[in-house]
N, C-alpha and C. Protein backbone atom coordinates (compact mmCIF):
# COMPACT_ATOMS: atom_id res chain seq x y z
N MET A 1 13.78 26.18 -11.39
CA MET A 1 12.71 25.35 -10.87
C MET A 1 13.29 24.24 -10.00
N VAL A 2 12.56 23.89 -8.97
CA VAL A 2 13.02 22.88 -8.01
C VAL A 2 12.20 21.60 -8.18
N LYS A 3 12.88 20.47 -8.10
CA LYS A 3 12.20 19.17 -8.13
C LYS A 3 12.40 18.47 -6.81
N THR A 4 11.43 17.67 -6.43
CA THR A 4 11.52 16.89 -5.21
C THR A 4 11.82 15.45 -5.56
N LEU A 5 12.86 14.90 -4.95
CA LEU A 5 13.25 13.51 -5.18
C LEU A 5 12.96 12.68 -3.94
N TYR A 6 12.47 11.48 -4.16
CA TYR A 6 12.28 10.50 -3.09
C TYR A 6 13.59 9.73 -2.97
N VAL A 7 14.05 9.53 -1.75
CA VAL A 7 15.27 8.76 -1.50
C VAL A 7 14.92 7.67 -0.49
N GLY A 8 14.96 6.42 -0.93
CA GLY A 8 14.59 5.31 -0.07
C GLY A 8 15.75 4.40 0.25
N ASN A 9 15.52 3.51 1.19
CA ASN A 9 16.49 2.52 1.65
C ASN A 9 17.70 3.18 2.32
N LEU A 10 17.44 4.27 3.01
CA LEU A 10 18.51 4.97 3.74
C LEU A 10 18.85 4.22 5.02
N PRO A 11 20.13 4.23 5.40
CA PRO A 11 20.47 3.70 6.73
C PRO A 11 19.75 4.53 7.78
N TYR A 12 19.30 3.89 8.84
CA TYR A 12 18.54 4.58 9.88
C TYR A 12 19.34 5.64 10.62
N THR A 13 20.66 5.61 10.49
CA THR A 13 21.52 6.58 11.16
C THR A 13 21.78 7.83 10.32
N THR A 14 21.26 7.89 9.10
CA THR A 14 21.50 9.03 8.21
C THR A 14 20.84 10.30 8.75
N SER A 15 21.62 11.38 8.79
CA SER A 15 21.07 12.68 9.22
C SER A 15 20.65 13.47 7.98
N GLU A 16 19.90 14.53 8.19
CA GLU A 16 19.50 15.37 7.07
C GLU A 16 20.71 16.03 6.41
N ASP A 17 21.73 16.37 7.21
CA ASP A 17 22.96 16.93 6.65
C ASP A 17 23.68 15.90 5.79
N ASP A 18 23.72 14.63 6.25
CA ASP A 18 24.34 13.56 5.45
C ASP A 18 23.64 13.43 4.11
N LEU A 19 22.32 13.44 4.15
CA LEU A 19 21.53 13.29 2.94
C LEU A 19 21.80 14.44 1.97
N LYS A 20 21.84 15.64 2.50
CA LYS A 20 22.10 16.81 1.66
C LYS A 20 23.46 16.71 0.99
N GLU A 21 24.47 16.28 1.74
CA GLU A 21 25.83 16.18 1.21
C GLU A 21 25.93 15.21 0.03
N VAL A 22 25.12 14.17 0.03
CA VAL A 22 25.14 13.19 -1.07
C VAL A 22 24.68 13.84 -2.38
N PHE A 23 23.75 14.79 -2.28
CA PHE A 23 23.16 15.39 -3.48
C PHE A 23 23.83 16.68 -3.95
N VAL A 24 24.61 17.33 -3.10
CA VAL A 24 25.24 18.61 -3.45
C VAL A 24 26.08 18.54 -4.73
N PRO A 25 26.82 17.47 -5.01
CA PRO A 25 27.61 17.46 -6.25
C PRO A 25 26.78 17.55 -7.54
N TYR A 26 25.47 17.31 -7.46
CA TYR A 26 24.63 17.27 -8.65
C TYR A 26 23.83 18.55 -8.88
N GLY A 27 23.80 19.43 -7.92
CA GLY A 27 23.08 20.68 -8.08
C GLY A 27 22.79 21.33 -6.74
N GLU A 28 22.16 22.49 -6.81
CA GLU A 28 21.86 23.23 -5.58
C GLU A 28 20.69 22.57 -4.84
N VAL A 29 20.96 22.16 -3.61
CA VAL A 29 19.95 21.50 -2.79
C VAL A 29 19.31 22.54 -1.88
N SER A 30 17.98 22.68 -1.99
CA SER A 30 17.31 23.67 -1.14
C SER A 30 16.84 23.06 0.17
N SER A 31 16.59 21.73 0.20
CA SER A 31 16.25 21.09 1.47
C SER A 31 16.44 19.58 1.38
N ALA A 32 16.65 18.99 2.53
CA ALA A 32 16.75 17.53 2.66
C ALA A 32 16.01 17.16 3.94
N LYS A 33 15.05 16.26 3.84
CA LYS A 33 14.21 15.91 4.99
C LYS A 33 14.16 14.40 5.15
N ILE A 34 14.51 13.93 6.35
CA ILE A 34 14.38 12.51 6.70
C ILE A 34 13.02 12.34 7.36
N ILE A 35 12.26 11.36 6.92
CA ILE A 35 10.94 11.11 7.50
C ILE A 35 11.11 10.24 8.75
N THR A 36 10.49 10.68 9.84
CA THR A 36 10.62 9.96 11.11
C THR A 36 9.28 9.42 11.58
N ASP A 37 9.35 8.40 12.41
CA ASP A 37 8.16 7.82 13.02
C ASP A 37 7.60 8.81 14.04
N ARG A 38 6.30 9.03 14.01
CA ARG A 38 5.68 10.01 14.92
C ARG A 38 5.84 9.64 16.38
N GLU A 39 5.74 8.36 16.68
CA GLU A 39 5.78 7.93 18.08
C GLU A 39 7.18 7.81 18.65
N THR A 40 8.10 7.24 17.85
CA THR A 40 9.44 7.00 18.39
C THR A 40 10.46 8.08 18.01
N GLY A 41 10.16 8.83 16.94
CA GLY A 41 11.11 9.84 16.48
C GLY A 41 12.26 9.27 15.68
N ARG A 42 12.28 7.95 15.47
CA ARG A 42 13.35 7.30 14.70
C ARG A 42 13.10 7.41 13.20
N SER A 43 14.16 7.39 12.45
CA SER A 43 14.07 7.44 10.99
C SER A 43 13.26 6.27 10.46
N ARG A 44 12.48 6.52 9.42
CA ARG A 44 11.73 5.45 8.77
C ARG A 44 12.49 4.90 7.56
N GLY A 45 13.71 5.41 7.32
CA GLY A 45 14.56 4.87 6.26
C GLY A 45 14.33 5.49 4.89
N PHE A 46 13.62 6.62 4.85
CA PHE A 46 13.48 7.32 3.58
C PHE A 46 13.35 8.82 3.83
N GLY A 47 13.50 9.57 2.75
CA GLY A 47 13.40 11.01 2.87
C GLY A 47 13.18 11.65 1.52
N PHE A 48 13.22 12.98 1.52
CA PHE A 48 12.99 13.75 0.31
C PHE A 48 14.05 14.84 0.20
N VAL A 49 14.48 15.08 -1.03
CA VAL A 49 15.47 16.12 -1.30
C VAL A 49 14.89 17.06 -2.35
N GLU A 50 14.95 18.35 -2.09
CA GLU A 50 14.57 19.35 -3.08
C GLU A 50 15.84 19.86 -3.73
N ILE A 51 15.94 19.68 -5.06
CA ILE A 51 17.14 20.03 -5.80
C ILE A 51 16.73 20.75 -7.07
N GLU A 52 17.58 21.66 -7.55
CA GLU A 52 17.24 22.37 -8.78
C GLU A 52 17.09 21.36 -9.91
N SER A 53 16.14 21.61 -10.81
CA SER A 53 15.73 20.61 -11.79
C SER A 53 16.85 20.17 -12.73
N ASP A 54 17.82 21.03 -13.03
CA ASP A 54 18.92 20.62 -13.90
C ASP A 54 19.72 19.47 -13.29
N GLY A 55 19.87 19.48 -11.98
CA GLY A 55 20.64 18.44 -11.31
C GLY A 55 19.83 17.22 -10.91
N ALA A 56 18.51 17.33 -10.95
CA ALA A 56 17.66 16.24 -10.47
C ALA A 56 17.86 14.96 -11.27
N GLN A 57 17.82 15.05 -12.59
CA GLN A 57 17.97 13.85 -13.42
C GLN A 57 19.38 13.27 -13.28
N LYS A 58 20.37 14.14 -13.21
CA LYS A 58 21.76 13.68 -13.02
C LYS A 58 21.89 12.91 -11.71
N ALA A 59 21.27 13.43 -10.66
CA ALA A 59 21.32 12.79 -9.34
C ALA A 59 20.63 11.43 -9.37
N ILE A 60 19.48 11.36 -10.03
CA ILE A 60 18.77 10.08 -10.13
C ILE A 60 19.64 9.04 -10.84
N GLU A 61 20.20 9.42 -11.98
CA GLU A 61 21.02 8.50 -12.76
C GLU A 61 22.27 8.06 -11.99
N ALA A 62 22.87 8.98 -11.25
CA ALA A 62 24.12 8.67 -10.54
C ALA A 62 23.89 7.91 -9.24
N LEU A 63 22.80 8.20 -8.54
CA LEU A 63 22.64 7.68 -7.18
C LEU A 63 21.68 6.51 -7.03
N ASP A 64 20.75 6.31 -7.97
CA ASP A 64 19.81 5.20 -7.85
C ASP A 64 20.60 3.89 -7.94
N GLY A 65 20.51 3.08 -6.90
CA GLY A 65 21.24 1.82 -6.84
C GLY A 65 22.64 1.92 -6.24
N LYS A 66 23.12 3.15 -6.00
CA LYS A 66 24.45 3.34 -5.43
C LYS A 66 24.44 2.94 -3.95
N GLU A 67 25.53 2.33 -3.51
CA GLU A 67 25.62 1.95 -2.11
C GLU A 67 25.93 3.17 -1.26
N PHE A 68 25.21 3.29 -0.15
CA PHE A 68 25.41 4.38 0.81
C PHE A 68 25.19 3.80 2.18
N GLY A 69 26.22 3.83 3.01
CA GLY A 69 26.11 3.30 4.36
C GLY A 69 25.76 1.82 4.40
N GLY A 70 26.23 1.08 3.39
CA GLY A 70 25.97 -0.36 3.35
C GLY A 70 24.63 -0.74 2.75
N ARG A 71 23.87 0.24 2.24
CA ARG A 71 22.55 -0.03 1.65
C ARG A 71 22.49 0.54 0.25
N SER A 72 21.71 -0.08 -0.59
CA SER A 72 21.55 0.35 -1.97
C SER A 72 20.40 1.38 -2.06
N LEU A 73 20.75 2.62 -2.40
CA LEU A 73 19.75 3.70 -2.43
C LEU A 73 18.72 3.51 -3.54
N ARG A 74 17.51 3.98 -3.28
CA ARG A 74 16.45 4.08 -4.29
C ARG A 74 16.20 5.58 -4.45
N VAL A 75 16.42 6.08 -5.65
CA VAL A 75 16.23 7.52 -5.90
C VAL A 75 15.36 7.69 -7.14
N ASN A 76 14.25 8.41 -6.98
CA ASN A 76 13.42 8.75 -8.13
C ASN A 76 12.63 10.02 -7.83
N GLU A 77 11.96 10.51 -8.86
CA GLU A 77 11.18 11.72 -8.68
C GLU A 77 10.00 11.41 -7.77
N ALA A 78 9.77 12.28 -6.80
CA ALA A 78 8.68 12.06 -5.84
C ALA A 78 7.34 12.22 -6.55
N ARG A 79 6.39 11.39 -6.15
CA ARG A 79 5.03 11.48 -6.69
C ARG A 79 4.18 12.26 -5.71
N GLU A 80 3.15 12.88 -6.22
CA GLU A 80 2.21 13.64 -5.39
C GLU A 80 1.55 12.71 -4.40
N ARG A 81 1.45 13.14 -3.16
CA ARG A 81 0.84 12.32 -2.12
C ARG A 81 -0.67 12.29 -2.31
N LYS A 82 -1.22 11.09 -2.30
CA LYS A 82 -2.67 10.95 -2.46
C LYS A 82 -3.34 11.15 -1.12
N PRO A 83 -4.51 11.82 -1.11
CA PRO A 83 -5.22 11.99 0.17
C PRO A 83 -5.70 10.66 0.73
N LYS A 84 -5.66 10.54 2.04
CA LYS A 84 -6.13 9.31 2.70
C LYS A 84 -7.63 9.25 2.66
N ARG A 85 -8.15 8.05 2.46
CA ARG A 85 -9.60 7.86 2.49
C ARG A 85 -9.96 7.07 3.73
N PHE A 86 -10.98 7.53 4.41
CA PHE A 86 -11.38 6.86 5.66
C PHE A 86 -12.68 6.14 5.45
């Protein structure tokens, strides 16, 4: 089973490959996605990693608060996105 992790406070220069490499030691990573601004295409400083569930908790414990690129990472299990109300 795969879990999705939220990764926040990323340096704006982080690539999806960089993000994936950080999580590989904790389990099999199926995807790593950096969220970008629609208008500028620049990183918004957060992303999501899909990792096998056995490694997800290990990754959270090891990486939450760890310094990466001069910034302290925020790593936790992603929550379901709520629909926007207009």
